[in-house]
Amino acid sequence: MKKLSLLFLAMVAAFALQAQWTDNPATNTFIADASPVDSIYVGEIHVMTDAETGDSYVQWTSGGVYASNGHAPALQRITPDGTPQWGENGIRFNQFNFLGWSAGDVFTITPDHDVISCFSTADTVTIALRLHPDGTYPWGEQGVLLFDGKGGSRAEIIAGNDGGAWALGSDLYNLYLQYIEADGSLNPVITIEQYNDTIRSTYGKLVLANDNSVFLTYEHVYVYPGKSSLSGIVDIHLTGYAKDGTQTVPDTKLMGQVNNIVTYTHEVVPDGLGGAYVYIEVGDSEIQEFNNIHVCHYDANGNNTISDTLGVTVHTPEQEHLYVDGYASIDPVSHDLLISYEQKNIAQHEPKIFVNRITATGERVWDEGVLVFDNQGNPLDIPMVSTFEDGSGFSVIFYQGDDILSPNSTIEAVGMDMNCNVLWQTTMSSTLYRRDYTKSIQGFNNGQLVYIWGDHHTGILYGQNIGWNGTMGQHADVEEIYEDGEIINIERIYNVNGQLMQSTNLNELNTGVYIIQGTTESGKIVNKKTVVVKE
């Protein structure tokens, strides 16, 4: 039976690609020329990978005050082998006018493999634009006007399970939430209002609930008298809504008041069980002491599962060190949070990179964290952790500088198993120059992670793939999985959500997309996506 399954696998999913990803860290893969205008600054870089097709998408903003239409978003589609699909400059939204600075933009990938981008324009309205993989606009090039013309500041969007998407906008006083159907029609606008002149409801994050409703976490900002409206004491609230505007989760305070450096800082990571972890960097905005990252969690019913009203910190607070630049990923087996962060001294020097594991009940499993990298006093920045698809380990990608006075850096990656043993260390980009970094990465899909960044001096976007074993360029996922007559011994099968299947026989699985892991008779490692179709 296993031979028949493998033959089916070979017919449905086997392919050989001429890989475009380089394995040379000195010559990374060209992704797009992000500066078709005079400005060369590249900002707001986001990366997502379609778990089924393996295509990756990168969205960025560029142009600024130098461009005829301002700081406009643009998108590029990249095939799994690293080949850009939407021209040298990607698809830039030149049909709109934008501010001279980025007002915040995001995008999402729908189950039917479209991309929906959401952004604010110079007219202080929020637009949602849908793109097919071929670069055409099913909702038209003008897209959909959201929130009845309200909003106009930072936006959020997350795909639903029916081809539509939840969108969120803000005017820095109120939040506006709305569901967009797959055909572009709009459901009612939901408004989360300010409470009084000293409290503002701002900056939200969305997580899709199990029934296609949505969880919303957002910040209450208590404005200090005489201070900027974007500084003050912050707490985080949680609520939830259905597509028709019905509130499904009562508005509750998820995290109590914390002293926040700036707003726009809390992040959310779905836990794979219907709930999510929420984390935020906090500290005293005046003396910058006790800076730390606080983590809380809510379950699939919207219940807070960590008893401490301030959540759990990634490290015990102390006066000698700051704990900053948090970035998190989910262990697909235990559903714990893995969070990477920097430790710095009070002068913001002598950085080290740590990772800690935190459970849904607030247990800090790895005590004061596991040291991933120490650059002996030279700069380190933006550590991003991603778990392997099978839950056997994780990688941390970060920038490494060679001089405390220089903005130039290389890009490094470290792989570790779940017992915190180092598996490998790889230099992903070895040429020293100033980089515009990505704000988000998708993690490992089909055995590889795609990482994108910008050259600050030229405006060129570059990318690099890396496998779960630390290799770059062509690896097992872009080679034929059934070749030279070798039978593959399937060791594990996962669905696209990272859940381990009980059977290693494809004939026993339901119709769907799966990831198989195993070895050939000659010892070749296979980590490959396949499609099972039951008549």
Protein backbone atom coordinates (compact mmCIF):
# COMPACT_ATOMS: atom_id res chain seq x y z
CA MET A 1 0.00 0.00 0.00
CA LYS A 2 2.83 2.40 0.75
CA LYS A 3 4.33 1.81 -2.72
CA LEU A 4 1.01 2.68 -4.34
CA SER A 5 0.81 5.82 -2.22
CA LEU A 6 4.29 6.83 -3.30
CA LEU A 7 3.50 6.22 -6.94
CA PHE A 8 0.44 8.42 -6.56
CA LEU A 9 2.62 10.97 -4.83
CA ALA A 10 5.09 10.90 -7.69
CA MET A 11 2.36 11.47 -10.25
CA VAL A 12 0.65 14.30 -8.37
CA ALA A 13 3.46 16.22 -6.69
CA ALA A 14 6.88 15.33 -8.07
CA PHE A 15 8.68 18.07 -9.92
CA ALA A 16 12.17 19.34 -10.59
CA LEU A 17 12.87 23.06 -10.48
CA GLN A 18 15.86 25.09 -11.51
CA ALA A 19 16.35 26.83 -8.18
CA GLN A 20 16.79 30.59 -8.24
CA TRP A 21 17.74 30.82 -4.58
CA THR A 22 21.47 31.15 -4.26
CA ASP A 23 23.57 29.18 -1.80
CA ASN A 24 26.19 31.94 -1.78
CA PRO A 25 25.68 34.46 1.07
CA ALA A 26 27.65 37.09 -0.87
CA THR A 27 25.18 37.09 -3.80
CA ASN A 28 21.64 36.92 -2.45
CA THR A 29 18.62 36.62 -4.73
CA PHE A 30 17.19 39.76 -6.33
CA ILE A 31 13.50 40.18 -5.39
CA ALA A 32 12.51 43.65 -6.63
CA ASP A 33 13.78 47.13 -7.34
CA ALA A 34 11.87 48.91 -4.60
CA SER A 35 12.93 52.41 -5.63
CA PRO A 36 11.41 53.27 -9.03
CA VAL A 37 11.34 56.85 -7.70
CA ASP A 38 14.04 59.09 -6.26
CA SER A 39 13.61 57.85 -2.70
CA ILE A 40 15.63 54.75 -1.83
CA TYR A 41 14.30 54.13 1.67
CA VAL A 42 12.32 50.88 1.90
CA GLY A 43 9.93 50.53 4.82
CA GLU A 44 7.19 48.33 6.27
CA ILE A 45 8.51 45.07 4.75
CA HIS A 46 6.18 42.11 5.37
CA VAL A 47 6.54 38.52 4.13
CA MET A 48 3.94 35.74 3.95
CA THR A 49 4.01 32.27 2.35
CA ASP A 50 1.01 30.41 0.97
CA ALA A 51 1.15 27.09 2.81
CA GLU A 52 -0.45 25.20 -0.07
CA THR A 53 1.22 26.65 -3.18
CA GLY A 54 4.55 27.50 -1.53
CA ASP A 55 4.53 30.94 -3.16
CA SER A 56 5.83 33.75 -0.98
CA TYR A 57 4.66 37.36 -1.13
CA VAL A 58 6.49 40.44 0.07
CA GLN A 59 4.88 43.84 0.55
CA TRP A 60 6.83 47.03 1.19
CA THR A 61 6.44 50.80 1.01
CA SER A 62 8.74 53.21 -0.77
CA GLY A 63 8.74 56.64 -2.34
CA GLY A 64 8.10 59.04 0.50
CA VAL A 65 8.04 62.77 -0.14
CA TYR A 66 10.09 62.29 -3.30
CA ALA A 67 7.50 60.25 -5.18
CA SER A 68 4.64 61.75 -7.17
CA ASN A 69 2.12 59.68 -5.19
CA GLY A 70 3.86 59.46 -1.81
CA HIS A 71 4.93 56.46 0.26
CA ALA A 72 3.09 53.79 -1.76
CA PRO A 73 2.84 50.06 -1.01
CA ALA A 74 4.02 47.49 -3.54
CA LEU A 75 3.85 43.69 -3.76
CA GLN A 76 6.00 40.96 -5.27
CA ARG A 77 5.16 37.27 -5.73
CA ILE A 78 7.99 34.72 -5.48
CA THR A 79 7.71 31.04 -6.46
CA PRO A 80 9.12 28.39 -4.07
CA ASP A 81 12.37 28.23 -6.04
CA GLY A 82 12.93 31.97 -5.58
CA THR A 83 11.77 33.36 -8.94
CA PRO A 84 10.02 36.79 -8.81
CA GLN A 85 6.79 36.82 -10.85
CA TRP A 86 5.58 40.44 -10.95
CA GLY A 87 8.34 42.23 -12.81
CA GLU A 88 11.47 44.01 -11.67
CA ASN A 89 9.58 46.49 -9.45
CA GLY A 90 6.69 44.31 -8.34
CA ILE A 91 3.19 45.78 -8.48
CA ARG A 92 3.21 49.29 -7.01
CA PHE A 93 -0.14 50.93 -6.21
CA ASN A 94 0.37 54.06 -8.31
CA GLN A 95 -3.39 54.53 -8.74
CA PHE A 96 -3.62 56.13 -5.25
CA ASN A 97 -2.04 59.10 -3.51
CA PHE A 98 -0.27 58.46 -0.22
CA LEU A 99 1.36 60.51 2.52
CA GLY A 100 5.07 61.25 2.47
CA TRP A 101 5.52 58.69 5.24
CA SER A 102 4.01 55.24 5.73
CA ALA A 103 0.66 55.26 7.52
CA GLY A 104 0.90 51.49 7.99
CA ASP A 105 -0.08 48.75 5.57
CA VAL A 106 -0.63 45.00 5.74
CA PHE A 107 -1.74 42.10 3.58
CA THR A 108 -3.12 38.58 3.91
CA ILE A 109 -3.41 35.42 1.79
CA THR A 110 -6.86 33.88 1.28
CA PRO A 111 -7.61 30.12 1.15
CA ASP A 112 -8.12 30.45 -2.63
CA HIS A 113 -4.58 31.88 -2.99
CA ASP A 114 -5.41 35.53 -3.58
CA VAL A 115 -3.68 38.40 -1.78
CA ILE A 116 -5.65 41.18 -0.09
CA SER A 117 -3.70 44.34 0.74
CA CYS A 118 -5.08 46.92 3.18
CA PHE A 119 -3.70 50.46 3.52
CA SER A 120 -4.53 54.10 4.19
CA THR A 121 -4.26 56.82 1.56
CA ALA A 122 -3.51 60.54 1.63
CA ASP A 123 -7.28 61.11 1.65
CA THR A 124 -7.36 59.53 5.16
CA VAL A 125 -9.46 56.60 4.01
CA THR A 126 -8.72 52.86 4.14
CA ILE A 127 -8.69 50.71 1.00
CA ALA A 128 -8.65 46.93 0.50
CA LEU A 129 -7.21 45.70 -2.82
CA ARG A 130 -7.40 42.07 -3.98
CA LEU A 131 -4.86 40.49 -6.37
CA HIS A 132 -4.97 37.13 -8.14
CA PRO A 133 -1.65 35.24 -8.42
CA ASP A 134 -1.44 36.48 -12.03
CA GLY A 135 -1.46 40.09 -10.79
CA THR A 136 -5.01 41.01 -11.89
CA TYR A 137 -7.54 42.83 -9.70
CA PRO A 138 -10.81 40.91 -9.10
CA TRP A 139 -12.24 43.88 -7.12
CA GLY A 140 -10.97 46.39 -9.66
CA GLU A 141 -7.87 48.58 -9.48
CA GLN A 142 -9.62 50.99 -7.08
CA GLY A 143 -10.41 48.19 -4.64
CA VAL A 144 -12.98 48.55 -1.85
CA LEU A 145 -13.48 51.61 0.38
CA LEU A 146 -13.73 50.44 4.00
CA PHE A 147 -15.39 51.74 7.17
CA ASP A 148 -17.71 54.16 5.32
CA GLY A 149 -14.72 56.39 4.66
CA LYS A 150 -13.58 56.53 8.30
CA GLY A 151 -10.21 55.50 9.64
CA GLY A 152 -7.20 56.68 7.71
CA SER A 153 -4.40 55.51 9.98
CA ARG A 154 -2.84 52.08 10.56
CA ALA A 155 -4.72 49.10 9.14
CA GLU A 156 -4.86 45.37 9.85
CA ILE A 157 -6.32 42.52 7.78
CA ILE A 158 -6.68 38.77 8.22
CA ALA A 159 -8.18 36.23 5.82
CA GLY A 160 -11.40 34.44 6.75
CA ASN A 161 -12.05 30.80 5.94
CA ASP A 162 -14.57 31.55 3.17
CA GLY A 163 -12.48 33.70 0.82
CA GLY A 164 -13.27 36.97 2.59
CA ALA A 165 -11.30 38.92 5.17
CA TRP A 166 -11.60 40.89 8.40
CA ALA A 167 -10.21 44.44 8.18
CA LEU A 168 -9.43 46.89 10.98
CA GLY A 169 -8.75 50.61 10.75
CA SER A 170 -8.09 53.49 13.12
CA ASP A 171 -8.21 57.28 13.30
CA LEU A 172 -6.09 57.28 16.51
CA TYR A 173 -9.25 57.82 18.57
CA ASN A 174 -11.56 55.00 17.49
CA LEU A 175 -11.18 51.59 15.88
CA TYR A 176 -13.31 50.38 12.94
CA LEU A 177 -13.86 46.70 12.18
CA GLN A 178 -15.51 45.25 9.07
CA TYR A 179 -15.81 41.94 7.21
CA ILE A 180 -15.25 41.94 3.43
CA GLU A 181 -16.94 39.09 1.59
CA ALA A 182 -15.06 37.19 -1.12
CA ASP A 183 -16.87 39.15 -3.84
CA GLY A 184 -15.90 42.50 -2.29
CA SER A 185 -19.28 43.26 -0.71
CA LEU A 186 -19.15 44.74 2.78
CA ASN A 187 -20.78 43.79 6.05
CA PRO A 188 -21.70 46.39 8.71
CA VAL A 189 -19.01 48.62 10.22
CA ILE A 190 -18.29 47.93 13.89
CA THR A 191 -16.97 50.90 15.88
CA ILE A 192 -14.89 50.64 19.05
CA GLU A 193 -15.17 54.16 20.47
CA GLN A 194 -12.95 56.24 22.73
CA TYR A 195 -14.10 56.49 26.35
CA ASN A 196 -13.17 60.09 27.18
CA ASP A 197 -10.66 62.82 26.36
CA THR A 198 -7.81 61.10 28.17
CA ILE A 199 -8.31 57.53 26.88
CA ARG A 200 -7.91 56.53 23.27
CA SER A 201 -8.75 53.17 21.74
CA THR A 202 -5.98 52.56 19.24
CA TYR A 203 -3.86 49.96 17.48
CA GLY A 204 -5.57 46.60 17.21
CA LYS A 205 -4.56 43.09 16.18
CA LEU A 206 -6.83 40.43 14.67
CA VAL A 207 -6.99 36.64 15.14
CA LEU A 208 -9.48 34.46 13.28
CA ALA A 209 -11.72 32.46 15.62
CA ASN A 210 -12.85 28.90 14.91
CA ASP A 211 -16.26 29.90 13.48
CA ASN A 212 -14.93 32.67 11.16
CA SER A 213 -15.68 35.32 13.75
CA VAL A 214 -12.74 37.39 14.94
CA PHE A 215 -10.85 38.18 18.12
CA LEU A 216 -9.66 41.78 18.45
CA THR A 217 -7.02 42.95 20.93
CA TYR A 218 -6.45 46.68 21.14
CA GLU A 219 -4.70 49.25 23.29
CA HIS A 220 -6.23 51.82 25.62
CA VAL A 221 -3.82 54.72 25.80
CA TYR A 222 -4.10 56.91 28.91
CA VAL A 223 -2.60 60.18 27.72
CA TYR A 224 -0.29 62.03 30.09
CA PRO A 225 -1.17 65.72 30.51
CA GLY A 226 1.19 67.79 28.42
CA LYS A 227 2.64 64.72 26.67
CA SER A 228 2.30 63.44 23.10
CA SER A 229 -0.93 61.58 22.39
CA LEU A 230 1.17 58.55 21.48
CA SER A 231 2.79 58.05 24.88
CA GLY A 232 1.41 57.12 28.24
CA ILE A 233 0.07 54.23 30.26
CA VAL A 234 -1.41 51.41 28.19
CA ASP A 235 -3.62 48.44 28.87
CA ILE A 236 -4.75 45.80 26.40
CA HIS A 237 -8.39 44.86 25.85
CA LEU A 238 -9.93 41.82 24.17
CA THR A 239 -13.26 41.54 22.38
CA GLY A 240 -14.77 39.50 19.54
CA TYR A 241 -17.36 39.91 16.77
CA ALA A 242 -19.26 37.93 14.14
CA LYS A 243 -19.49 39.05 10.51
CA ASP A 244 -22.93 40.58 10.99
CA GLY A 245 -21.65 42.88 13.76
CA THR A 246 -22.83 40.76 16.71
CA GLN A 247 -20.43 40.89 19.65
CA THR A 248 -19.30 37.34 20.48
CA VAL A 249 -16.80 38.10 23.25
CA PRO A 250 -17.52 40.81 25.84
CA ASP A 251 -14.95 43.58 26.05
CA THR A 252 -12.52 42.62 28.82
CA LYS A 253 -9.14 43.86 30.01
CA LEU A 254 -6.62 41.22 28.97
CA MET A 255 -3.54 42.93 30.43
CA GLY A 256 -3.55 45.57 33.17
CA GLN A 257 -2.01 49.02 32.94
CA VAL A 258 1.65 49.04 32.02
CA ASN A 259 4.05 51.90 31.47
CA ASN A 260 4.59 51.88 27.73
CA ILE A 261 7.39 53.55 25.76
CA VAL A 262 5.25 54.10 22.65
CA THR A 263 2.02 52.68 21.32
CA TYR A 264 1.85 50.48 18.22
CA THR A 265 3.81 47.78 20.01
CA HIS A 266 1.65 44.84 21.06
CA GLU A 267 1.82 41.73 18.87
CA VAL A 268 -0.38 38.65 18.61
CA VAL A 269 0.47 35.06 17.60
CA PRO A 270 -2.33 32.45 17.12
CA ASP A 271 -1.64 29.39 19.27
CA GLY A 272 -2.96 26.82 16.77
CA LEU A 273 -5.82 25.85 19.11
CA GLY A 274 -8.17 28.77 18.45
CA GLY A 275 -6.66 31.22 20.93
CA ALA A 276 -3.57 33.42 20.86
CA TYR A 277 -0.58 34.77 22.75
CA VAL A 278 -0.25 38.55 23.12
CA TYR A 279 3.03 40.28 23.97
CA ILE A 280 4.18 43.86 24.43
CA GLU A 281 7.42 45.63 25.32
CA VAL A 282 6.97 47.87 28.36
CA GLY A 283 9.11 50.04 30.58
CA ASP A 284 9.47 53.44 32.17
CA SER A 285 9.35 56.02 29.38
CA GLU A 286 11.35 58.54 31.40
CA ILE A 287 14.37 56.61 32.69
CA GLN A 288 14.17 53.52 30.42
CA GLU A 289 14.71 51.05 33.24
CA PHE A 290 13.04 47.72 33.80
CA ASN A 291 12.25 47.40 30.09
CA ASN A 292 10.86 43.93 29.55
CA ILE A 293 8.45 41.96 27.37
CA HIS A 294 5.16 40.89 28.94
CA VAL A 295 3.18 37.92 27.59
CA CYS A 296 -0.46 37.00 28.13
CA HIS A 297 -2.75 34.43 26.49
CA TYR A 298 -6.42 33.84 25.73
CA ASP A 299 -8.06 30.56 24.73
CA ALA A 300 -10.52 29.68 21.94
CA ASN A 301 -13.40 31.08 24.03
CA GLY A 302 -11.69 34.38 24.76
CA ASN A 303 -10.76 33.50 28.34
CA ASN A 304 -7.56 34.89 29.87
CA THR A 305 -5.49 31.84 30.91
CA ILE A 306 -2.68 33.62 32.81
CA SER A 307 -3.70 34.70 36.28
CA ASP A 308 -1.26 37.62 36.66
CA THR A 309 -2.96 40.76 35.35
CA LEU A 310 0.36 41.89 33.85
CA GLY A 311 1.08 38.53 32.22
CA VAL A 312 4.48 36.88 32.50
CA THR A 313 7.80 38.54 31.61
CA VAL A 314 10.32 36.79 29.35
CA HIS A 315 12.98 37.37 32.02
CA THR A 316 12.95 38.38 35.68
CA PRO A 317 13.01 42.23 35.75
CA GLU A 318 16.30 43.77 36.80
CA GLN A 319 17.88 47.21 36.78
CA GLU A 320 21.06 46.14 34.99
CA HIS A 321 19.47 44.94 31.76
CA LEU A 322 16.76 45.70 29.21
CA TYR A 323 14.84 42.93 27.42
CA VAL A 324 13.63 44.23 24.08
CA ASP A 325 12.84 43.46 20.42
CA GLY A 326 10.61 40.45 21.05
CA TYR A 327 9.48 38.21 18.20
CA ALA A 328 7.47 35.02 18.68
CA SER A 329 6.52 31.73 17.02
CA ILE A 330 4.37 28.77 18.08
CA ASP A 331 5.59 25.24 18.76
CA PRO A 332 3.19 23.20 16.55
CA VAL A 333 3.39 20.20 18.92
CA SER A 334 3.05 21.69 22.42
CA HIS A 335 1.43 24.99 21.25
CA ASP A 336 3.75 26.85 23.63
CA LEU A 337 5.09 30.26 22.68
CA LEU A 338 8.74 30.52 21.68
CA ILE A 339 9.89 34.12 21.91
CA SER A 340 13.26 35.58 20.89
CA TYR A 341 14.56 38.85 22.32
CA GLU A 342 17.67 40.92 23.04
CA GLN A 343 19.28 41.51 26.38
CA LYS A 344 21.11 44.87 26.57
CA ASN A 345 22.70 46.83 29.35
CA ILE A 346 21.13 50.07 30.54
CA ALA A 347 23.14 52.02 27.94
CA GLN A 348 21.58 49.82 25.22
CA HIS A 349 24.95 48.15 24.50
CA GLU A 350 26.44 44.64 24.94
CA PRO A 351 23.52 42.83 23.29
CA LYS A 352 22.88 39.10 23.56
CA ILE A 353 20.10 37.08 21.93
CA PHE A 354 17.89 34.78 24.01
CA VAL A 355 14.88 32.55 23.43
CA ASN A 356 12.35 31.51 26.06
CA ARG A 357 9.42 29.10 26.05
CA ILE A 358 6.15 30.19 27.70
CA THR A 359 3.04 28.07 28.21
CA ALA A 360 -0.59 29.13 28.00
CA THR A 361 -0.78 29.24 31.79
CA GLY A 362 2.24 31.51 32.08
CA GLU A 363 4.98 29.05 32.97
CA ARG A 364 8.40 30.24 31.84
CA VAL A 365 9.77 26.83 30.90
CA TRP A 366 13.34 27.86 30.12
CA ASP A 367 13.71 29.93 33.30
CA GLU A 368 15.76 33.03 32.36
CA GLY A 369 15.93 32.06 28.70
CA VAL A 370 18.44 30.21 26.54
CA LEU A 371 21.41 32.10 25.13
CA VAL A 372 21.38 31.86 21.34
CA PHE A 373 24.17 34.27 20.40
CA ASP A 374 26.65 36.66 22.04
CA ASN A 375 28.47 39.05 19.71
CA GLN A 376 30.96 40.10 22.38
CA GLY A 377 29.69 43.67 22.58
CA ASN A 378 29.19 44.40 18.87
CA PRO A 379 25.68 45.17 17.59
CA LEU A 380 22.94 42.58 17.25
CA ASP A 381 19.43 43.38 16.11
CA ILE A 382 15.96 42.07 15.18
CA PRO A 383 16.13 38.43 16.34
CA MET A 384 13.27 36.47 14.70
CA VAL A 385 12.44 32.97 15.90
CA SER A 386 10.64 30.40 13.71
CA THR A 387 9.78 26.84 14.72
CA PHE A 388 10.34 23.90 12.38
CA GLU A 389 7.14 22.46 10.92
CA ASP A 390 7.46 19.17 12.81
CA GLY A 391 8.18 20.87 16.13
CA SER A 392 11.67 19.33 16.41
CA GLY A 393 13.48 22.64 16.71
CA PHE A 394 13.63 26.29 15.74
CA SER A 395 15.80 28.89 14.03
CA VAL A 396 16.65 32.46 15.01
CA ILE A 397 17.58 34.93 12.23
CA PHE A 398 19.22 38.20 13.25
CA TYR A 399 21.45 41.09 12.10
CA GLN A 400 25.06 41.11 13.26
CA GLY A 401 27.17 44.27 13.13
CA ASP A 402 30.97 44.40 13.27
CA ASP A 403 31.33 47.87 14.80
CA ILE A 404 29.25 49.62 17.42
CA LEU A 405 29.48 52.89 15.45
CA SER A 406 28.44 51.42 12.10
CA PRO A 407 24.89 50.67 10.85
CA ASN A 408 26.21 47.94 8.54
CA SER A 409 25.47 44.29 9.26
CA THR A 410 25.39 40.73 8.02
CA ILE A 411 22.40 38.36 8.41
CA GLU A 412 22.98 35.29 10.54
CA ALA A 413 20.85 32.26 11.45
CA VAL A 414 21.18 29.72 14.25
CA GLY A 415 19.25 26.43 14.41
CA MET A 416 18.55 24.66 17.72
CA ASP A 417 16.60 21.58 18.76
CA MET A 418 13.88 21.74 21.41
CA ASN A 419 16.43 20.74 24.05
CA CYS A 420 18.26 23.98 23.14
CA ASN A 421 21.25 22.28 21.56
CA VAL A 422 22.80 24.17 18.63
CA LEU A 423 22.27 22.27 15.37
CA TRP A 424 23.87 24.69 12.92
CA GLN A 425 24.90 28.28 12.33
CA THR A 426 24.61 29.82 8.84
CA THR A 427 25.54 33.22 7.42
CA MET A 428 22.63 34.09 5.15
CA SER A 429 24.02 37.39 3.83
CA SER A 430 27.72 38.12 4.31
CA THR A 431 28.20 41.53 2.65
CA LEU A 432 28.28 44.41 5.12
CA TYR A 433 25.82 47.21 4.33
CA ARG A 434 22.94 49.06 5.96
CA ARG A 435 19.69 47.11 5.68
CA ASP A 436 15.98 47.91 5.87
CA TYR A 437 14.65 44.97 7.82
CA THR A 438 11.45 42.96 7.51
CA LYS A 439 8.81 43.46 10.19
CA SER A 440 7.42 39.93 9.85
CA ILE A 441 8.27 36.52 8.42
CA GLN A 442 5.98 33.56 7.92
CA GLY A 443 8.28 30.86 9.25
CA PHE A 444 8.99 27.44 7.73
CA ASN A 445 6.72 26.20 4.95
CA ASN A 446 7.46 22.99 3.05
CA GLY A 447 10.80 22.78 4.78
CA GLN A 448 12.13 26.24 3.97
CA LEU A 449 11.90 29.76 5.37
CA VAL A 450 11.95 32.82 3.09
CA TYR A 451 13.55 35.99 4.44
CA ILE A 452 13.48 39.39 2.67
CA TRP A 453 15.27 42.68 3.38
CA GLY A 454 16.17 45.94 1.66
CA ASP A 455 19.49 47.58 0.82
CA HIS A 456 19.06 51.01 2.39
CA HIS A 457 21.46 52.65 -0.07
CA THR A 458 20.10 51.26 -3.36
CA GLY A 459 16.46 50.43 -2.60
CA ILE A 460 16.92 46.89 -3.91
CA LEU A 461 15.04 44.09 -2.12
CA TYR A 462 16.98 40.86 -1.65
CA GLY A 463 15.86 37.50 -0.33
CA GLN A 464 17.25 34.21 0.85
CA ASN A 465 15.76 30.84 1.66
CA ILE A 466 17.05 28.58 4.40
CA GLY A 467 16.09 24.99 5.14
CA TRP A 468 15.34 23.45 8.49
CA ASN A 469 18.83 21.90 8.32
CA GLY A 470 20.54 25.27 7.80
CA THR A 471 21.20 24.89 4.07
CA MET A 472 20.44 27.59 1.50
CA GLY A 473 19.63 27.38 -2.19
CA GLN A 474 18.15 24.22 -3.66
CA HIS A 475 17.31 21.60 -1.06
CA ALA A 476 15.03 18.61 -0.64
CA ASP A 477 11.85 20.63 -1.17
CA VAL A 478 12.69 21.66 -4.72
CA GLU A 479 14.01 18.33 -5.93
CA GLU A 480 12.08 15.34 -7.20
CA ILE A 481 10.89 13.29 -4.25
CA TYR A 482 10.64 10.09 -6.30
CA GLU A 483 13.71 9.61 -8.45
CA ASP A 484 16.07 6.89 -9.65
CA GLY A 485 13.50 4.27 -8.66
CA GLU A 486 14.12 4.77 -4.93
CA ILE A 487 11.31 4.11 -2.52
CA ILE A 488 10.78 6.75 0.13
CA ASN A 489 10.32 5.59 3.70
CA ILE A 490 7.67 7.97 5.09
CA GLU A 491 8.43 8.68 8.72
CA ARG A 492 5.91 11.43 9.51
CA ILE A 493 2.99 13.19 7.83
CA TYR A 494 1.64 16.61 8.88
CA ASN A 495 -1.32 18.62 7.68
CA VAL A 496 -0.76 22.23 6.59
CA ASN A 497 -1.55 23.43 10.12
CA GLY A 498 1.43 21.50 11.47
CA GLN A 499 -0.62 18.75 13.16
CA LEU A 500 0.97 15.28 13.14
CA MET A 501 -1.15 12.63 11.43
CA GLN A 502 -1.56 9.27 13.16
CA SER A 503 -0.98 7.32 9.96
CA THR A 504 2.01 7.31 7.59
CA ASN A 505 -0.11 5.76 4.80
CA LEU A 506 -1.40 8.35 2.34
CA ASN A 507 -4.27 6.05 1.34
CA GLU A 508 -5.68 6.36 4.85
CA LEU A 509 -5.81 10.16 4.79
CA ASN A 510 -8.71 12.39 3.75
CA THR A 511 -8.59 14.74 0.78
CA GLY A 512 -6.25 17.60 1.55
CA VAL A 513 -2.73 19.01 1.43
CA TYR A 514 -0.07 17.30 3.55
CA ILE A 515 3.64 17.53 4.30
CA ILE A 516 5.56 14.26 4.30
CA GLN A 517 8.91 13.73 5.94
CA GLY A 518 11.15 10.72 5.40
CA THR A 519 14.28 9.33 3.77
CA THR A 520 15.13 7.43 0.61
CA GLU A 521 17.05 4.15 0.55
CA SER A 522 20.27 6.09 -0.09
CA GLY A 523 19.66 8.30 2.95
CA LYS A 524 18.36 11.36 1.14
CA ILE A 525 16.11 13.50 3.38
CA VAL A 526 12.66 14.34 1.98
CA ASN A 527 10.43 17.07 3.37
CA LYS A 528 7.71 17.64 0.77
CA LYS A 529 4.17 18.83 0.22
CA THR A 530 1.66 16.55 -1.52
CA VAL A 531 -2.04 16.55 -2.37
CA VAL A 532 -4.34 13.63 -1.55
CA VAL A 533 -7.58 13.39 -3.50
CA LYS A 534 -10.22 10.80 -2.60
CA GLU A 535 -12.76 9.88 -5.26
